[in-house]
Amino acid sequence: MGDKSQRRLPDGRIVYDPRGTVTVEPLPLAPRPAALDGIRLGVLDNTKWNASKLLRQVVASLEADVTFAGIRHYAKSSFSRVAPEDLLERIAAENDAVITAIGD
């Protein structure tokens, strides 16, 4: 069988594997800031209610211990879409660190 998502068992039955195959090029992680005090923090909201709620709580918790140079908020147009390249470039240019969340 040429399709890797299908397997034939010894008794002849065909089993479909719905996981598929993902191929990606590994990328190095961005360097972490040595400290959070004084950095510019970006907050990317994916527009899901629970994610927004979680992000607000995380930022409030961080602000209790950290003095940021600034906090900028951004939002994707839809949680089901990838953020546009120009938005990602803007976020990277305007911030030293970014947080985002998925909350369902």
N, C-alpha and C. Protein backbone atom coordinates (compact mmCIF):
# COMPACT_ATOMS: atom_id res chain seq x y z
N MET A 1 0.83 -1.18 0.00
CA MET A 1 0.00 0.00 0.00
C MET A 1 0.87 1.24 0.00
N GLY A 2 0.63 2.17 -0.89
CA GLY A 2 1.42 3.37 -0.99
C GLY A 2 1.03 4.43 0.02
N ASP A 3 -0.23 4.45 0.45
CA ASP A 3 -0.71 5.46 1.39
C ASP A 3 -0.28 5.11 2.80
N LYS A 4 0.59 5.97 3.41
CA LYS A 4 1.12 5.67 4.74
C LYS A 4 0.08 5.84 5.83
N SER A 5 -1.08 6.44 5.52
CA SER A 5 -2.12 6.59 6.53
C SER A 5 -2.94 5.31 6.67
N GLN A 6 -2.68 4.32 5.81
CA GLN A 6 -3.39 3.04 5.90
C GLN A 6 -2.40 1.93 6.20
N ARG A 7 -2.82 1.01 7.05
CA ARG A 7 -2.01 -0.16 7.39
C ARG A 7 -2.86 -1.40 7.22
N ARG A 8 -2.23 -2.47 6.78
CA ARG A 8 -2.94 -3.74 6.64
C ARG A 8 -2.52 -4.64 7.80
N LEU A 9 -3.49 -5.10 8.56
CA LEU A 9 -3.23 -6.01 9.66
C LEU A 9 -2.95 -7.42 9.12
N PRO A 10 -2.33 -8.28 9.94
CA PRO A 10 -2.03 -9.65 9.48
C PRO A 10 -3.26 -10.40 8.98
N ASP A 11 -4.43 -10.09 9.52
CA ASP A 11 -5.65 -10.79 9.07
C ASP A 11 -6.26 -10.18 7.82
N GLY A 12 -5.62 -9.13 7.25
CA GLY A 12 -6.08 -8.54 6.00
C GLY A 12 -6.89 -7.27 6.18
N ARG A 13 -7.34 -6.99 7.39
CA ARG A 13 -8.13 -5.76 7.59
C ARG A 13 -7.24 -4.53 7.38
N ILE A 14 -7.84 -3.47 6.87
CA ILE A 14 -7.13 -2.22 6.64
C ILE A 14 -7.50 -1.26 7.76
N VAL A 15 -6.48 -0.64 8.36
CA VAL A 15 -6.68 0.32 9.45
C VAL A 15 -6.21 1.68 8.95
N TYR A 16 -7.06 2.67 9.14
CA TYR A 16 -6.72 4.04 8.75
C TYR A 16 -6.16 4.77 9.96
N ASP A 17 -5.02 5.41 9.82
CA ASP A 17 -4.40 6.20 10.88
C ASP A 17 -4.67 7.67 10.59
N PRO A 18 -5.57 8.32 11.36
CA PRO A 18 -5.96 9.70 11.06
C PRO A 18 -4.93 10.75 11.45
N ARG A 19 -3.83 10.35 12.10
CA ARG A 19 -2.86 11.34 12.56
C ARG A 19 -2.11 12.01 11.43
N GLY A 20 -1.98 11.35 10.31
CA GLY A 20 -1.26 11.94 9.19
C GLY A 20 0.22 12.09 9.48
N THR A 21 0.90 12.82 8.62
CA THR A 21 2.33 13.05 8.78
C THR A 21 2.60 14.54 8.70
N VAL A 22 3.41 15.03 9.60
CA VAL A 22 3.77 16.44 9.60
C VAL A 22 5.27 16.54 9.40
N THR A 23 5.66 17.35 8.44
CA THR A 23 7.08 17.58 8.23
C THR A 23 7.34 19.06 8.40
N VAL A 24 8.29 19.40 9.26
CA VAL A 24 8.64 20.79 9.52
C VAL A 24 10.14 20.92 9.61
N GLU A 25 10.60 22.12 9.36
CA GLU A 25 12.01 22.42 9.53
C GLU A 25 12.19 22.96 10.94
N PRO A 26 13.01 22.31 11.76
CA PRO A 26 13.19 22.81 13.13
C PRO A 26 13.83 24.20 13.14
N LEU A 27 13.31 25.06 13.99
CA LEU A 27 13.85 26.41 14.12
C LEU A 27 14.34 26.60 15.55
N PRO A 28 15.41 27.35 15.73
CA PRO A 28 15.89 27.59 17.10
C PRO A 28 14.91 28.48 17.85
N LEU A 29 14.84 28.32 19.16
CA LEU A 29 14.01 29.18 19.99
C LEU A 29 14.64 30.57 20.07
N ALA A 30 13.80 31.57 20.24
CA ALA A 30 14.30 32.93 20.41
C ALA A 30 15.02 33.02 21.75
N PRO A 31 16.04 33.85 21.83
CA PRO A 31 16.73 34.00 23.12
C PRO A 31 15.79 34.61 24.16
N ARG A 32 15.92 34.15 25.39
CA ARG A 32 15.08 34.66 26.48
C ARG A 32 15.74 35.89 27.09
N PRO A 33 14.93 36.89 27.47
CA PRO A 33 15.52 38.05 28.13
C PRO A 33 16.10 37.65 29.49
N ALA A 34 17.18 38.29 29.89
CA ALA A 34 17.81 37.97 31.18
C ALA A 34 16.89 38.35 32.34
N ALA A 35 16.11 39.42 32.16
CA ALA A 35 15.17 39.88 33.19
C ALA A 35 13.97 40.50 32.49
N LEU A 36 12.85 40.57 33.19
CA LEU A 36 11.65 41.15 32.59
C LEU A 36 11.52 42.64 32.86
N ASP A 37 12.11 43.13 33.96
CA ASP A 37 12.02 44.56 34.26
C ASP A 37 12.59 45.38 33.11
N GLY A 38 11.81 46.36 32.67
CA GLY A 38 12.27 47.28 31.64
C GLY A 38 12.05 46.83 30.21
N ILE A 39 11.50 45.64 30.00
CA ILE A 39 11.28 45.20 28.62
C ILE A 39 9.94 45.71 28.11
N ARG A 40 9.80 45.68 26.80
CA ARG A 40 8.54 46.00 26.14
C ARG A 40 7.81 44.67 25.93
N LEU A 41 6.61 44.55 26.52
CA LEU A 41 5.85 43.31 26.47
C LEU A 41 4.72 43.42 25.45
N GLY A 42 4.64 42.45 24.57
CA GLY A 42 3.53 42.36 23.64
C GLY A 42 2.57 41.28 24.11
N VAL A 43 1.28 41.52 23.91
CA VAL A 43 0.24 40.55 24.29
C VAL A 43 -0.60 40.29 23.05
N LEU A 44 -0.53 39.07 22.54
CA LEU A 44 -1.30 38.71 21.33
C LEU A 44 -2.53 37.93 21.74
N ASP A 45 -3.68 38.51 21.51
CA ASP A 45 -4.98 37.92 21.83
C ASP A 45 -5.51 37.21 20.59
N ASN A 46 -5.90 35.94 20.76
CA ASN A 46 -6.43 35.21 19.60
C ASN A 46 -7.93 35.38 19.45
N THR A 47 -8.55 36.23 20.23
CA THR A 47 -9.96 36.61 20.20
C THR A 47 -10.90 35.57 20.79
N LYS A 48 -10.40 34.57 21.46
CA LYS A 48 -11.28 33.64 22.19
C LYS A 48 -11.46 34.18 23.60
N TRP A 49 -12.69 34.14 24.10
CA TRP A 49 -13.00 34.74 25.38
C TRP A 49 -12.09 34.24 26.50
N ASN A 50 -11.94 32.93 26.64
CA ASN A 50 -11.13 32.40 27.74
C ASN A 50 -9.65 32.75 27.58
N ALA A 51 -9.18 32.84 26.35
CA ALA A 51 -7.78 33.24 26.13
C ALA A 51 -7.61 34.69 26.56
N SER A 52 -8.55 35.54 26.21
CA SER A 52 -8.48 36.96 26.60
C SER A 52 -8.47 37.08 28.12
N LYS A 53 -9.34 36.34 28.77
CA LYS A 53 -9.43 36.36 30.23
C LYS A 53 -8.11 35.90 30.85
N LEU A 54 -7.55 34.81 30.33
CA LEU A 54 -6.28 34.29 30.84
C LEU A 54 -5.15 35.31 30.64
N LEU A 55 -5.09 35.93 29.48
CA LEU A 55 -4.05 36.92 29.21
C LEU A 55 -4.16 38.12 30.15
N ARG A 56 -5.38 38.59 30.40
CA ARG A 56 -5.56 39.72 31.32
C ARG A 56 -5.04 39.35 32.71
N GLN A 57 -5.33 38.14 33.15
CA GLN A 57 -4.89 37.71 34.48
C GLN A 57 -3.37 37.54 34.53
N VAL A 58 -2.77 36.99 33.47
CA VAL A 58 -1.32 36.82 33.44
C VAL A 58 -0.62 38.18 33.47
N VAL A 59 -1.11 39.11 32.67
CA VAL A 59 -0.50 40.45 32.64
C VAL A 59 -0.63 41.12 34.01
N ALA A 60 -1.80 41.03 34.63
CA ALA A 60 -1.99 41.62 35.96
C ALA A 60 -1.05 40.98 36.98
N SER A 61 -0.87 39.68 36.90
CA SER A 61 0.03 38.98 37.81
C SER A 61 1.48 39.42 37.59
N LEU A 62 1.88 39.52 36.33
CA LEU A 62 3.24 39.96 36.02
C LEU A 62 3.48 41.40 36.50
N GLU A 63 2.51 42.26 36.29
CA GLU A 63 2.67 43.67 36.67
C GLU A 63 2.83 43.86 38.18
N ALA A 64 2.39 42.87 38.97
CA ALA A 64 2.57 42.96 40.41
C ALA A 64 4.04 42.84 40.80
N ASP A 65 4.84 42.20 39.95
CA ASP A 65 6.25 41.96 40.26
C ASP A 65 7.24 42.60 39.29
N VAL A 66 6.76 43.03 38.14
CA VAL A 66 7.65 43.49 37.07
C VAL A 66 7.25 44.89 36.63
N THR A 67 8.24 45.73 36.36
CA THR A 67 7.99 47.06 35.80
C THR A 67 8.37 47.01 34.33
N PHE A 68 7.38 47.03 33.46
CA PHE A 68 7.61 46.97 32.02
C PHE A 68 7.84 48.37 31.46
N ALA A 69 8.64 48.47 30.41
CA ALA A 69 8.82 49.74 29.71
C ALA A 69 7.52 50.10 28.99
N GLY A 70 6.76 49.11 28.63
CA GLY A 70 5.48 49.31 27.97
C GLY A 70 4.82 47.97 27.69
N ILE A 71 3.51 48.01 27.56
CA ILE A 71 2.75 46.81 27.21
C ILE A 71 1.87 47.19 26.03
N ARG A 72 2.01 46.43 24.95
CA ARG A 72 1.20 46.65 23.76
C ARG A 72 0.31 45.44 23.54
N HIS A 73 -0.94 45.70 23.18
CA HIS A 73 -1.90 44.64 22.95
C HIS A 73 -2.21 44.54 21.45
N TYR A 74 -2.31 43.32 20.99
CA TYR A 74 -2.61 43.03 19.59
C TYR A 74 -3.69 41.95 19.56
N ALA A 75 -4.43 41.87 18.46
CA ALA A 75 -5.44 40.84 18.33
C ALA A 75 -5.43 40.27 16.92
N LYS A 76 -5.56 38.96 16.85
CA LYS A 76 -5.75 38.32 15.55
C LYS A 76 -7.19 38.56 15.11
N SER A 77 -7.45 38.47 13.82
CA SER A 77 -8.81 38.70 13.33
C SER A 77 -9.72 37.52 13.67
N SER A 78 -9.13 36.34 13.83
CA SER A 78 -9.92 35.15 14.17
C SER A 78 -9.00 34.12 14.81
N PHE A 79 -9.53 33.43 15.82
CA PHE A 79 -8.71 32.41 16.48
C PHE A 79 -8.37 31.26 15.54
N SER A 80 -9.16 31.07 14.51
CA SER A 80 -8.95 29.94 13.61
C SER A 80 -7.99 30.26 12.45
N ARG A 81 -7.48 31.47 12.42
CA ARG A 81 -6.57 31.87 11.35
C ARG A 81 -5.18 32.19 11.91
N VAL A 82 -4.18 31.96 11.11
CA VAL A 82 -2.81 32.33 11.46
C VAL A 82 -2.72 33.85 11.43
N ALA A 83 -1.96 34.41 12.34
CA ALA A 83 -1.76 35.86 12.34
C ALA A 83 -1.05 36.27 11.05
N PRO A 84 -1.48 37.35 10.42
CA PRO A 84 -0.84 37.80 9.19
C PRO A 84 0.64 38.13 9.41
N GLU A 85 1.43 37.90 8.41
CA GLU A 85 2.88 38.13 8.49
C GLU A 85 3.21 39.56 8.90
N ASP A 86 2.47 40.54 8.38
CA ASP A 86 2.77 41.93 8.72
C ASP A 86 2.48 42.22 10.20
N LEU A 87 1.47 41.57 10.77
CA LEU A 87 1.20 41.73 12.20
C LEU A 87 2.32 41.10 13.02
N LEU A 88 2.76 39.92 12.64
CA LEU A 88 3.86 39.26 13.36
C LEU A 88 5.14 40.09 13.28
N GLU A 89 5.43 40.66 12.13
CA GLU A 89 6.62 41.50 11.99
C GLU A 89 6.52 42.75 12.86
N ARG A 90 5.32 43.34 12.92
CA ARG A 90 5.11 44.53 13.75
C ARG A 90 5.30 44.18 15.23
N ILE A 91 4.72 43.06 15.65
CA ILE A 91 4.87 42.62 17.04
C ILE A 91 6.34 42.41 17.38
N ALA A 92 7.07 41.74 16.50
CA ALA A 92 8.50 41.46 16.74
C ALA A 92 9.30 42.76 16.81
N ALA A 93 8.97 43.74 15.99
CA ALA A 93 9.72 45.00 15.96
C ALA A 93 9.42 45.88 17.18
N GLU A 94 8.21 45.79 17.71
CA GLU A 94 7.78 46.69 18.77
C GLU A 94 7.95 46.14 20.19
N ASN A 95 8.39 44.88 20.32
CA ASN A 95 8.43 44.25 21.65
C ASN A 95 9.71 43.45 21.85
N ASP A 96 10.04 43.25 23.13
CA ASP A 96 11.18 42.40 23.50
C ASP A 96 10.74 41.00 23.84
N ALA A 97 9.50 40.85 24.28
CA ALA A 97 8.92 39.53 24.60
C ALA A 97 7.42 39.60 24.33
N VAL A 98 6.84 38.45 24.01
CA VAL A 98 5.41 38.40 23.68
C VAL A 98 4.79 37.21 24.38
N ILE A 99 3.58 37.41 24.88
CA ILE A 99 2.82 36.28 25.41
C ILE A 99 1.53 36.15 24.61
N THR A 100 1.06 34.92 24.51
CA THR A 100 -0.21 34.64 23.88
C THR A 100 -0.79 33.43 24.61
N ALA A 101 -2.03 33.10 24.33
CA ALA A 101 -2.68 32.00 25.03
C ALA A 101 -3.78 31.40 24.19
N ILE A 102 -4.07 30.16 24.47
CA ILE A 102 -5.24 29.48 23.93
C ILE A 102 -6.09 29.10 25.13
N GLY A 103 -7.32 29.49 25.15
CA GLY A 103 -8.18 29.15 26.30
C GLY A 103 -9.54 28.70 25.81
N ASP A 104 -9.81 27.44 26.00
CA ASP A 104 -11.13 26.91 25.64
C ASP A 104 -11.85 26.39 26.86
